[in-house]
Amino acid sequence: MKRAFYLIFSICLWQIPLAKAAQSPESVFNRSCQMCHNGQLPTAPKKGDAQAWKPRLAQGRDVLVKHVTEGFNAMPPRGLCMDCTADDYSAVIDWMAKP
């Protein structure tokens, strides 16, 4: 009986996804970030502008993800990506900061 319980329990656990797959940084950018980070907003660092990203990256990843999540200056909370995770934000920051 105990063995049957553990078997059924383990099968049920495999049905539960452990984590949501990270979204593609490019698709997140195109959907939520490009309207400000393509150069239209002078205070938002442009995608691929290493000089503009350098001082921001120096603040540390946690600070940048916090700014995206909570909003910062002209940046709206969650960067308008309501289904993004902290890992998604981190990945899109890396993607935008690459020259």
PDB file of N, CA and C in Angstrom:
ATOM      1  N   MET A   1       0.819  -1.194   0.000  1.00  0.00           N
ATOM      2  CA  MET A   1       0.000   0.000   0.000  1.00  0.00           C
ATOM      3  C   MET A   1       0.864   1.261   0.000  1.00  0.00           C
ATOM      4  N   LYS A   2       1.892   1.236   0.847  1.00  0.00           N
ATOM      5  CA  LYS A   2       2.798   2.380   0.918  1.00  0.00           C
ATOM      6  C   LYS A   2       3.490   2.606  -0.427  1.00  0.00           C
ATOM      7  N   ARG A   3       3.896   1.511  -1.043  1.00  0.00           N
ATOM      8  CA  ARG A   3       4.588   1.587  -2.330  1.00  0.00           C
ATOM      9  C   ARG A   3       3.668   2.196  -3.397  1.00  0.00           C
ATOM     10  N   ALA A   4       2.411   1.802  -3.408  1.00  0.00           N
ATOM     11  CA  ALA A   4       1.451   2.343  -4.374  1.00  0.00           C
ATOM     12  C   ALA A   4       1.258   3.840  -4.160  1.00  0.00           C
ATOM     13  N   PHE A   5       1.186   4.253  -2.908  1.00  0.00           N
ATOM     14  CA  PHE A   5       1.046   5.677  -2.601  1.00  0.00           C
ATOM     15  C   PHE A   5       2.228   6.472  -3.150  1.00  0.00           C
ATOM     16  N   TYR A   6       3.450   6.000  -2.889  1.00  0.00           N
ATOM     17  CA  TYR A   6       4.640   6.705  -3.363  1.00  0.00           C
ATOM     18  C   TYR A   6       4.703   6.739  -4.884  1.00  0.00           C
ATOM     19  N   LEU A   7       4.277   5.670  -5.520  1.00  0.00           N
ATOM     20  CA  LEU A   7       4.265   5.626  -6.977  1.00  0.00           C
ATOM     21  C   LEU A   7       3.289   6.665  -7.532  1.00  0.00           C
ATOM     22  N   ILE A   8       2.091   6.699  -6.999  1.00  0.00           N
ATOM     23  CA  ILE A   8       1.087   7.668  -7.460  1.00  0.00           C
ATOM     24  C   ILE A   8       1.541   9.095  -7.157  1.00  0.00           C
ATOM     25  N   PHE A   9       2.088   9.309  -5.974  1.00  0.00           N
ATOM     26  CA  PHE A   9       2.579  10.631  -5.586  1.00  0.00           C
ATOM     27  C   PHE A   9       3.686  11.109  -6.526  1.00  0.00           C
ATOM     28  N   SER A  10       4.632  10.233  -6.846  1.00  0.00           N
ATOM     29  CA  SER A  10       5.738  10.638  -7.726  1.00  0.00           C
ATOM     30  C   SER A  10       5.250  10.918  -9.142  1.00  0.00           C
ATOM     31  N   ILE A  11       4.266  10.161  -9.603  1.00  0.00           N
ATOM     32  CA  ILE A  11       3.702  10.421 -10.936  1.00  0.00           C
ATOM     33  C   ILE A  11       3.027  11.792 -10.956  1.00  0.00           C
ATOM     34  N   CYS A  12       2.310  12.116  -9.896  1.00  0.00           N
ATOM     35  CA  CYS A  12       1.656  13.429  -9.806  1.00  0.00           C
ATOM     36  C   CYS A  12       2.677  14.561  -9.802  1.00  0.00           C
ATOM     37  N   LEU A  13       3.775  14.371  -9.102  1.00  0.00           N
ATOM     38  CA  LEU A  13       4.806  15.413  -9.055  1.00  0.00           C
ATOM     39  C   LEU A  13       5.386  15.703 -10.430  1.00  0.00           C
ATOM     40  N   TRP A  14       5.523  14.691 -11.257  1.00  0.00           N
ATOM     41  CA  TRP A  14       6.081  14.899 -12.591  1.00  0.00           C
ATOM     42  C   TRP A  14       5.156  15.712 -13.474  1.00  0.00           C
ATOM     43  N   GLN A  15       3.886  15.788 -13.108  1.00  0.00           N
ATOM     44  CA  GLN A  15       2.922  16.558 -13.888  1.00  0.00           C
ATOM     45  C   GLN A  15       2.984  18.049 -13.596  1.00  0.00           C
ATOM     46  N   ILE A  16       3.627  18.424 -12.497  1.00  0.00           N
ATOM     47  CA  ILE A  16       3.714  19.826 -12.096  1.00  0.00           C
ATOM     48  C   ILE A  16       4.971  20.440 -12.702  1.00  0.00           C
ATOM     49  N   PRO A  17       4.839  21.466 -13.522  1.00  0.00           N
ATOM     50  CA  PRO A  17       6.046  22.107 -14.052  1.00  0.00           C
ATOM     51  C   PRO A  17       6.822  22.784 -12.931  1.00  0.00           C
ATOM     52  N   LEU A  18       8.125  22.606 -12.939  1.00  0.00           N
ATOM     53  CA  LEU A  18       8.955  23.164 -11.877  1.00  0.00           C
ATOM     54  C   LEU A  18       9.219  24.648 -12.060  1.00  0.00           C
ATOM     55  N   ALA A  19       9.322  25.093 -13.276  1.00  0.00           N
ATOM     56  CA  ALA A  19       9.570  26.513 -13.519  1.00  0.00           C
ATOM     57  C   ALA A  19       9.109  26.857 -14.926  1.00  0.00           C
ATOM     58  N   LYS A  20       8.676  28.076 -15.088  1.00  0.00           N
ATOM     59  CA  LYS A  20       8.274  28.542 -16.407  1.00  0.00           C
ATOM     60  C   LYS A  20       9.531  28.756 -17.243  1.00  0.00           C
ATOM     61  N   ALA A  21       9.491  28.296 -18.465  1.00  0.00           N
ATOM     62  CA  ALA A  21      10.630  28.487 -19.358  1.00  0.00           C
ATOM     63  C   ALA A  21      10.851  29.975 -19.587  1.00  0.00           C
ATOM     64  N   ALA A  22      12.099  30.361 -19.617  1.00  0.00           N
ATOM     65  CA  ALA A  22      12.440  31.766 -19.860  1.00  0.00           C
ATOM     66  C   ALA A  22      12.017  32.154 -21.274  1.00  0.00           C
ATOM     67  N   GLN A  23      11.568  33.367 -21.408  1.00  0.00           N
ATOM     68  CA  GLN A  23      11.173  33.882 -22.716  1.00  0.00           C
ATOM     69  C   GLN A  23      12.413  34.328 -23.484  1.00  0.00           C
ATOM     70  N   SER A  24      12.298  34.364 -24.767  1.00  0.00           N
ATOM     71  CA  SER A  24      13.384  34.850 -25.609  1.00  0.00           C
ATOM     72  C   SER A  24      13.596  36.341 -25.341  1.00  0.00           C
ATOM     73  N   PRO A  25      14.848  36.744 -25.049  1.00  0.00           N
ATOM     74  CA  PRO A  25      15.104  38.171 -24.807  1.00  0.00           C
ATOM     75  C   PRO A  25      14.669  39.053 -25.980  1.00  0.00           C
ATOM     76  N   GLU A  26      14.873  38.565 -27.191  1.00  0.00           N
ATOM     77  CA  GLU A  26      14.486  39.357 -28.360  1.00  0.00           C
ATOM     78  C   GLU A  26      12.969  39.546 -28.422  1.00  0.00           C
ATOM     79  N   SER A  27      12.215  38.500 -28.110  1.00  0.00           N
ATOM     80  CA  SER A  27      10.756  38.648 -28.161  1.00  0.00           C
ATOM     81  C   SER A  27      10.256  39.567 -27.043  1.00  0.00           C
ATOM     82  N   VAL A  28      10.877  39.491 -25.856  1.00  0.00           N
ATOM     83  CA  VAL A  28      10.509  40.408 -24.771  1.00  0.00           C
ATOM     84  C   VAL A  28      10.815  41.840 -25.192  1.00  0.00           C
ATOM     85  N   PHE A  29      11.995  42.053 -25.770  1.00  0.00           N
ATOM     86  CA  PHE A  29      12.384  43.388 -26.234  1.00  0.00           C
ATOM     87  C   PHE A  29      11.378  43.909 -27.258  1.00  0.00           C
ATOM     88  N   ASN A  30      11.079  43.100 -28.262  1.00  0.00           N
ATOM     89  CA  ASN A  30      10.170  43.537 -29.325  1.00  0.00           C
ATOM     90  C   ASN A  30       8.768  43.830 -28.806  1.00  0.00           C
ATOM     91  N   ARG A  31       8.340  43.083 -27.813  1.00  0.00           N
ATOM     92  CA  ARG A  31       6.989  43.238 -27.285  1.00  0.00           C
ATOM     93  C   ARG A  31       6.876  44.368 -26.262  1.00  0.00           C
ATOM     94  N   SER A  32       7.914  44.549 -25.429  1.00  0.00           N
ATOM     95  CA  SER A  32       7.759  45.451 -24.286  1.00  0.00           C
ATOM     96  C   SER A  32       8.799  46.555 -24.159  1.00  0.00           C
ATOM     97  N   CYS A  33       9.970  46.385 -24.729  1.00  0.00           N
ATOM     98  CA  CYS A  33      11.077  47.311 -24.454  1.00  0.00           C
ATOM     99  C   CYS A  33      11.405  48.256 -25.601  1.00  0.00           C
ATOM    100  N   GLN A  34      11.190  47.796 -26.820  1.00  0.00           N
ATOM    101  CA  GLN A  34      11.685  48.540 -27.983  1.00  0.00           C
ATOM    102  C   GLN A  34      11.085  49.923 -28.130  1.00  0.00           C
ATOM    103  N   MET A  35       9.878  50.134 -27.613  1.00  0.00           N
ATOM    104  CA  MET A  35       9.253  51.452 -27.788  1.00  0.00           C
ATOM    105  C   MET A  35      10.047  52.561 -27.096  1.00  0.00           C
ATOM    106  N   CYS A  36      10.831  52.213 -26.076  1.00  0.00           N
ATOM    107  CA  CYS A  36      11.663  53.216 -25.390  1.00  0.00           C
ATOM    108  C   CYS A  36      13.157  53.011 -25.649  1.00  0.00           C
ATOM    109  N   HIS A  37      13.576  51.756 -25.807  1.00  0.00           N
ATOM    110  CA  HIS A  37      15.002  51.453 -25.896  1.00  0.00           C
ATOM    111  C   HIS A  37      15.519  51.343 -27.329  1.00  0.00           C
ATOM    112  N   ASN A  38      14.770  51.855 -28.304  1.00  0.00           N
ATOM    113  CA  ASN A  38      15.270  51.943 -29.679  1.00  0.00           C
ATOM    114  C   ASN A  38      15.725  53.354 -30.006  1.00  0.00           C
ATOM    115  N   GLY A  39      15.825  54.201 -28.994  1.00  0.00           N
ATOM    116  CA  GLY A  39      16.317  55.554 -29.202  1.00  0.00           C
ATOM    117  C   GLY A  39      15.258  56.633 -29.132  1.00  0.00           C
ATOM    118  N   GLN A  40      14.000  56.262 -28.980  1.00  0.00           N
ATOM    119  CA  GLN A  40      12.926  57.253 -28.946  1.00  0.00           C
ATOM    120  C   GLN A  40      12.911  58.054 -27.648  1.00  0.00           C
ATOM    121  N   LEU A  41      13.339  57.444 -26.561  1.00  0.00           N
ATOM    122  CA  LEU A  41      13.348  58.100 -25.257  1.00  0.00           C
ATOM    123  C   LEU A  41      14.801  58.379 -24.876  1.00  0.00           C
ATOM    124  N   PRO A  42      15.209  59.648 -24.833  1.00  0.00           N
ATOM    125  CA  PRO A  42      16.622  59.979 -24.627  1.00  0.00           C
ATOM    126  C   PRO A  42      17.219  59.452 -23.318  1.00  0.00           C
ATOM    127  N   THR A  43      16.401  59.262 -22.288  1.00  0.00           N
ATOM    128  CA  THR A  43      16.944  58.797 -21.008  1.00  0.00           C
ATOM    129  C   THR A  43      17.049  57.272 -20.924  1.00  0.00           C
ATOM    130  N   ALA A  44      16.429  56.561 -21.855  1.00  0.00           N
ATOM    131  CA  ALA A  44      16.501  55.094 -21.859  1.00  0.00           C
ATOM    132  C   ALA A  44      17.710  54.665 -22.683  1.00  0.00           C
ATOM    133  N   PRO A  45      18.592  53.846 -22.119  1.00  0.00           N
ATOM    134  CA  PRO A  45      19.760  53.415 -22.894  1.00  0.00           C
ATOM    135  C   PRO A  45      19.328  52.604 -24.116  1.00  0.00           C
ATOM    136  N   LYS A  46      19.860  52.985 -25.260  1.00  0.00           N
ATOM    137  CA  LYS A  46      19.493  52.347 -26.516  1.00  0.00           C
ATOM    138  C   LYS A  46      20.090  50.943 -26.595  1.00  0.00           C
ATOM    139  N   LYS A  47      19.342  50.031 -27.181  1.00  0.00           N
ATOM    140  CA  LYS A  47      19.828  48.671 -27.392  1.00  0.00           C
ATOM    141  C   LYS A  47      21.135  48.714 -28.178  1.00  0.00           C
ATOM    142  N   GLY A  48      22.149  48.036 -27.669  1.00  0.00           N
ATOM    143  CA  GLY A  48      23.430  47.950 -28.354  1.00  0.00           C
ATOM    144  C   GLY A  48      24.390  49.088 -28.065  1.00  0.00           C
ATOM    145  N   ASP A  49      23.985  50.085 -27.295  1.00  0.00           N
ATOM    146  CA  ASP A  49      24.848  51.222 -26.961  1.00  0.00           C
ATOM    147  C   ASP A  49      25.643  50.895 -25.693  1.00  0.00           C
ATOM    148  N   ALA A  50      26.807  50.294 -25.880  1.00  0.00           N
ATOM    149  CA  ALA A  50      27.623  49.820 -24.754  1.00  0.00           C
ATOM    150  C   ALA A  50      27.994  50.943 -23.795  1.00  0.00           C
ATOM    151  N   GLN A  51      28.262  52.131 -24.313  1.00  0.00           N
ATOM    152  CA  GLN A  51      28.634  53.264 -23.454  1.00  0.00           C
ATOM    153  C   GLN A  51      27.480  53.678 -22.539  1.00  0.00           C
ATOM    154  N   ALA A  52      26.277  53.672 -23.057  1.00  0.00           N
ATOM    155  CA  ALA A  52      25.112  54.042 -22.249  1.00  0.00           C
ATOM    156  C   ALA A  52      24.800  52.971 -21.202  1.00  0.00           C
ATOM    157  N   TRP A  53      25.074  51.722 -21.525  1.00  0.00           N
ATOM    158  CA  TRP A  53      24.785  50.622 -20.604  1.00  0.00           C
ATOM    159  C   TRP A  53      25.860  50.448 -19.540  1.00  0.00           C
ATOM    160  N   LYS A  54      27.079  50.874 -19.821  1.00  0.00           N
ATOM    161  CA  LYS A  54      28.203  50.628 -18.904  1.00  0.00           C
ATOM    162  C   LYS A  54      27.941  51.116 -17.469  1.00  0.00           C
ATOM    163  N   PRO A  55      27.546  52.377 -17.246  1.00  0.00           N
ATOM    164  CA  PRO A  55      27.310  52.814 -15.860  1.00  0.00           C
ATOM    165  C   PRO A  55      26.117  52.104 -15.206  1.00  0.00           C
ATOM    166  N   ARG A  56      25.166  51.713 -16.001  1.00  0.00           N
ATOM    167  CA  ARG A  56      24.014  51.002 -15.442  1.00  0.00           C
ATOM    168  C   ARG A  56      24.405  49.590 -15.012  1.00  0.00           C
ATOM    169  N   LEU A  57      25.172  48.909 -15.857  1.00  0.00           N
ATOM    170  CA  LEU A  57      25.630  47.565 -15.514  1.00  0.00           C
ATOM    171  C   LEU A  57      26.541  47.576 -14.292  1.00  0.00           C
ATOM    172  N   ALA A  58      27.268  48.683 -14.102  1.00  0.00           N
ATOM    173  CA  ALA A  58      28.166  48.807 -12.945  1.00  0.00           C
ATOM    174  C   ALA A  58      27.390  48.835 -11.623  1.00  0.00           C
ATOM    175  N   GLN A  59      26.112  49.182 -11.673  1.00  0.00           N
ATOM    176  CA  GLN A  59      25.279  49.189 -10.463  1.00  0.00           C
ATOM    177  C   GLN A  59      24.980  47.776  -9.969  1.00  0.00           C
ATOM    178  N   GLY A  60      25.115  46.806 -10.844  1.00  0.00           N
ATOM    179  CA  GLY A  60      24.842  45.417 -10.482  1.00  0.00           C
ATOM    180  C   GLY A  60      23.519  44.927 -11.034  1.00  0.00           C
ATOM    181  N   ARG A  61      23.500  43.663 -11.300  1.00  0.00           N
ATOM    182  CA  ARG A  61      22.324  43.020 -11.901  1.00  0.00           C
ATOM    183  C   ARG A  61      21.077  43.165 -11.014  1.00  0.00           C
ATOM    184  N   ASP A  62      21.237  42.950  -9.716  1.00  0.00           N
ATOM    185  CA  ASP A  62      20.081  43.017  -8.809  1.00  0.00           C
ATOM    186  C   ASP A  62      19.422  44.391  -8.821  1.00  0.00           C
ATOM    187  N   VAL A  63      20.236  45.438  -8.882  1.00  0.00           N
ATOM    188  CA  VAL A  63      19.700  46.807  -8.914  1.00  0.00           C
ATOM    189  C   VAL A  63      18.921  47.032 -10.208  1.00  0.00           C
ATOM    190  N   LEU A  64      19.478  46.585 -11.327  1.00  0.00           N
ATOM    191  CA  LEU A  64      18.793  46.780 -12.610  1.00  0.00           C
ATOM    192  C   LEU A  64      17.468  46.021 -12.654  1.00  0.00           C
ATOM    193  N   VAL A  65      17.481  44.784 -12.193  1.00  0.00           N
ATOM    194  CA  VAL A  65      16.242  44.000 -12.185  1.00  0.00           C
ATOM    195  C   VAL A  65      15.218  44.642 -11.245  1.00  0.00           C
ATOM    196  N   LYS A  66      15.680  45.180 -10.126  1.00  0.00           N
ATOM    197  CA  LYS A  66      14.778  45.877  -9.195  1.00  0.00           C
ATOM    198  C   LYS A  66      14.171  47.113  -9.864  1.00  0.00           C
ATOM    199  N   HIS A  67      14.997  47.870 -10.603  1.00  0.00           N
ATOM    200  CA  HIS A  67      14.493  49.054 -11.302  1.00  0.00           C
ATOM    201  C   HIS A  67      13.424  48.674 -12.325  1.00  0.00           C
ATOM    202  N   VAL A  68      13.661  47.581 -13.045  1.00  0.00           N
ATOM    203  CA  VAL A  68      12.668  47.144 -14.027  1.00  0.00           C
ATOM    204  C   VAL A  68      11.385  46.710 -13.315  1.00  0.00           C
ATOM    205  N   THR A  69      11.533  45.937 -12.262  1.00  0.00           N
ATOM    206  CA  THR A  69      10.374  45.386 -11.558  1.00  0.00           C
ATOM    207  C   THR A  69       9.528  46.469 -10.893  1.00  0.00           C
ATOM    208  N   GLU A  70      10.181  47.401 -10.220  1.00  0.00           N
ATOM    209  CA  GLU A  70       9.460  48.424  -9.457  1.00  0.00           C
ATOM    210  C   GLU A  70       9.196  49.701 -10.242  1.00  0.00           C
ATOM    211  N   GLY A  71       9.919  49.889 -11.340  1.00  0.00           N
ATOM    212  CA  GLY A  71       9.864  51.140 -12.076  1.00  0.00           C
ATOM    213  C   GLY A  71      10.946  52.066 -11.549  1.00  0.00           C
ATOM    214  N   PHE A  72      11.462  52.924 -12.418  1.00  0.00           N
ATOM    215  CA  PHE A  72      12.544  53.826 -12.016  1.00  0.00           C
ATOM    216  C   PHE A  72      12.555  55.010 -12.968  1.00  0.00           C
ATOM    217  N   ASN A  73      12.455  56.221 -12.411  1.00  0.00           N
ATOM    218  CA  ASN A  73      12.368  57.437 -13.230  1.00  0.00           C
ATOM    219  C   ASN A  73      11.253  57.268 -14.264  1.00  0.00           C
ATOM    220  N   ALA A  74      11.575  57.338 -15.558  1.00  0.00           N
ATOM    221  CA  ALA A  74      10.543  57.227 -16.596  1.00  0.00           C
ATOM    222  C   ALA A  74      10.174  55.778 -16.918  1.00  0.00           C
ATOM    223  N   MET A  75      10.917  54.824 -16.355  1.00  0.00           N
ATOM    224  CA  MET A  75      10.648  53.406 -16.630  1.00  0.00           C
ATOM    225  C   MET A  75       9.409  52.957 -15.855  1.00  0.00           C
ATOM    226  N   PRO A  76       8.413  52.438 -16.578  1.00  0.00           N
ATOM    227  CA  PRO A  76       7.208  51.973 -15.879  1.00  0.00           C
ATOM    228  C   PRO A  76       7.477  50.669 -15.121  1.00  0.00           C
ATOM    229  N   PRO A  77       6.721  50.411 -14.063  1.00  0.00           N
ATOM    230  CA  PRO A  77       6.886  49.149 -13.337  1.00  0.00           C
ATOM    231  C   PRO A  77       6.745  47.943 -14.264  1.00  0.00           C
ATOM    232  N   ARG A  78       7.610  46.988 -14.060  1.00  0.00           N
ATOM    233  CA  ARG A  78       7.677  45.738 -14.820  1.00  0.00           C
ATOM    234  C   ARG A  78       8.017  45.986 -16.291  1.00  0.00           C
ATOM    235  N   GLY A  79       8.416  47.190 -16.626  1.00  0.00           N
ATOM    236  CA  GLY A  79       8.815  47.490 -17.993  1.00  0.00           C
ATOM    237  C   GLY A  79       7.744  47.163 -19.016  1.00  0.00           C
ATOM    238  N   LEU A  80       6.500  47.160 -18.579  1.00  0.00           N
ATOM    239  CA  LEU A  80       5.333  46.824 -19.400  1.00  0.00           C
ATOM    240  C   LEU A  80       5.280  45.349 -19.802  1.00  0.00           C
ATOM    241  N   CYS A  81       6.099  44.518 -19.183  1.00  0.00           N
ATOM    242  CA  CYS A  81       6.054  43.068 -19.429  1.00  0.00           C
ATOM    243  C   CYS A  81       5.505  42.404 -18.171  1.00  0.00           C
ATOM    244  N   MET A  82       4.209  42.257 -18.123  1.00  0.00           N
ATOM    245  CA  MET A  82       3.554  41.760 -16.911  1.00  0.00           C
ATOM    246  C   MET A  82       3.754  40.269 -16.678  1.00  0.00           C
ATOM    247  N   ASP A  83       4.156  39.527 -17.711  1.00  0.00           N
ATOM    248  CA  ASP A  83       4.371  38.091 -17.528  1.00  0.00           C
ATOM    249  C   ASP A  83       5.851  37.723 -17.459  1.00  0.00           C
ATOM    250  N   CYS A  84       6.718  38.713 -17.355  1.00  0.00           N
ATOM    251  CA  CYS A  84       8.160  38.457 -17.273  1.00  0.00           C
ATOM    252  C   CYS A  84       8.581  38.107 -15.848  1.00  0.00           C
ATOM    253  N   THR A  85       9.579  37.246 -15.764  1.00  0.00           N
ATOM    254  CA  THR A  85      10.180  36.891 -14.482  1.00  0.00           C
ATOM    255  C   THR A  85      11.470  37.688 -14.313  1.00  0.00           C
ATOM    256  N   ALA A  86      12.059  37.610 -13.140  1.00  0.00           N
ATOM    257  CA  ALA A  86      13.352  38.264 -12.908  1.00  0.00           C
ATOM    258  C   ALA A  86      14.401  37.720 -13.872  1.00  0.00           C
ATOM    259  N   ASP A  87      14.341  36.424 -14.178  1.00  0.00           N
ATOM    260  CA  ASP A  87      15.285  35.835 -15.140  1.00  0.00           C
ATOM    261  C   ASP A  87      15.066  36.400 -16.536  1.00  0.00           C
ATOM    262  N   ASP A  88      13.810  36.630 -16.913  1.00  0.00           N
ATOM    263  CA  ASP A  88      13.518  37.242 -18.215  1.00  0.00           C
ATOM    264  C   ASP A  88      14.106  38.650 -18.279  1.00  0.00           C
ATOM    265  N   TYR A  89      13.913  39.426 -17.205  1.00  0.00           N
ATOM    266  CA  TYR A  89      14.462  40.785 -17.176  1.00  0.00           C
ATOM    267  C   TYR A  89      15.982  40.762 -17.275  1.00  0.00           C
ATOM    268  N   SER A  90      16.608  39.879 -16.537  1.00  0.00           N
ATOM    269  CA  SER A  90      18.065  39.778 -16.561  1.00  0.00           C
ATOM    270  C   SER A  90      18.563  39.433 -17.966  1.00  0.00           C
ATOM    271  N   ALA A  91      17.889  38.493 -18.616  1.00  0.00           N
ATOM    272  CA  ALA A  91      18.292  38.081 -19.966  1.00  0.00           C
ATOM    273  C   ALA A  91      18.114  39.207 -20.977  1.00  0.00           C
ATOM    274  N   VAL A  92      17.021  39.957 -20.879  1.00  0.00           N
ATOM    275  CA  VAL A  92      16.802  41.039 -21.841  1.00  0.00           C
ATOM    276  C   VAL A  92      17.771  42.195 -21.584  1.00  0.00           C
ATOM    277  N   ILE A  93      18.160  42.418 -20.328  1.00  0.00           N
ATOM    278  CA  ILE A  93      19.176  43.436 -20.023  1.00  0.00           C
ATOM    279  C   ILE A  93      20.493  43.053 -20.698  1.00  0.00           C
ATOM    280  N   ASP A  94      20.911  41.796 -20.549  1.00  0.00           N
ATOM    281  CA  ASP A  94      22.136  41.324 -21.215  1.00  0.00           C
ATOM    282  C   ASP A  94      22.034  41.505 -22.723  1.00  0.00           C
ATOM    283  N   TRP A  95      20.888  41.142 -23.279  1.00  0.00           N
ATOM    284  CA  TRP A  95      20.687  41.206 -24.726  1.00  0.00           C
ATOM    285  C   TRP A  95      20.746  42.649 -25.220  1.00  0.00           C
ATOM    286  N   MET A  96      20.123  43.578 -24.478  1.00  0.00           N
ATOM    287  CA  MET A  96      20.126  44.987 -24.895  1.00  0.00           C
ATOM    288  C   MET A  96      21.504  45.622 -24.735  1.00  0.00           C
ATOM    289  N   ALA A  97      22.278  45.182 -23.747  1.00  0.00           N
ATOM    290  CA  ALA A  97      23.573  45.804 -23.466  1.00  0.00           C
ATOM    291  C   ALA A  97      24.671  45.357 -24.424  1.00  0.00           C
ATOM    292  N   LYS A  98      24.439  44.274 -25.163  1.00  0.00           N
ATOM    293  CA  LYS A  98      25.458  43.793 -26.110  1.00  0.00           C
ATOM    294  C   LYS A  98      25.562  44.748 -27.294  1.00  0.00           C
ATOM    295  N   PRO A  99      26.796  45.091 -27.671  1.00  0.00           N
ATOM    296  CA  PRO A  99      26.976  45.984 -28.836  1.00  0.00           C
ATOM    297  C   PRO A  99      26.604  45.307 -30.147  1.00  0.00           C
TER     298      PRO A  99
END
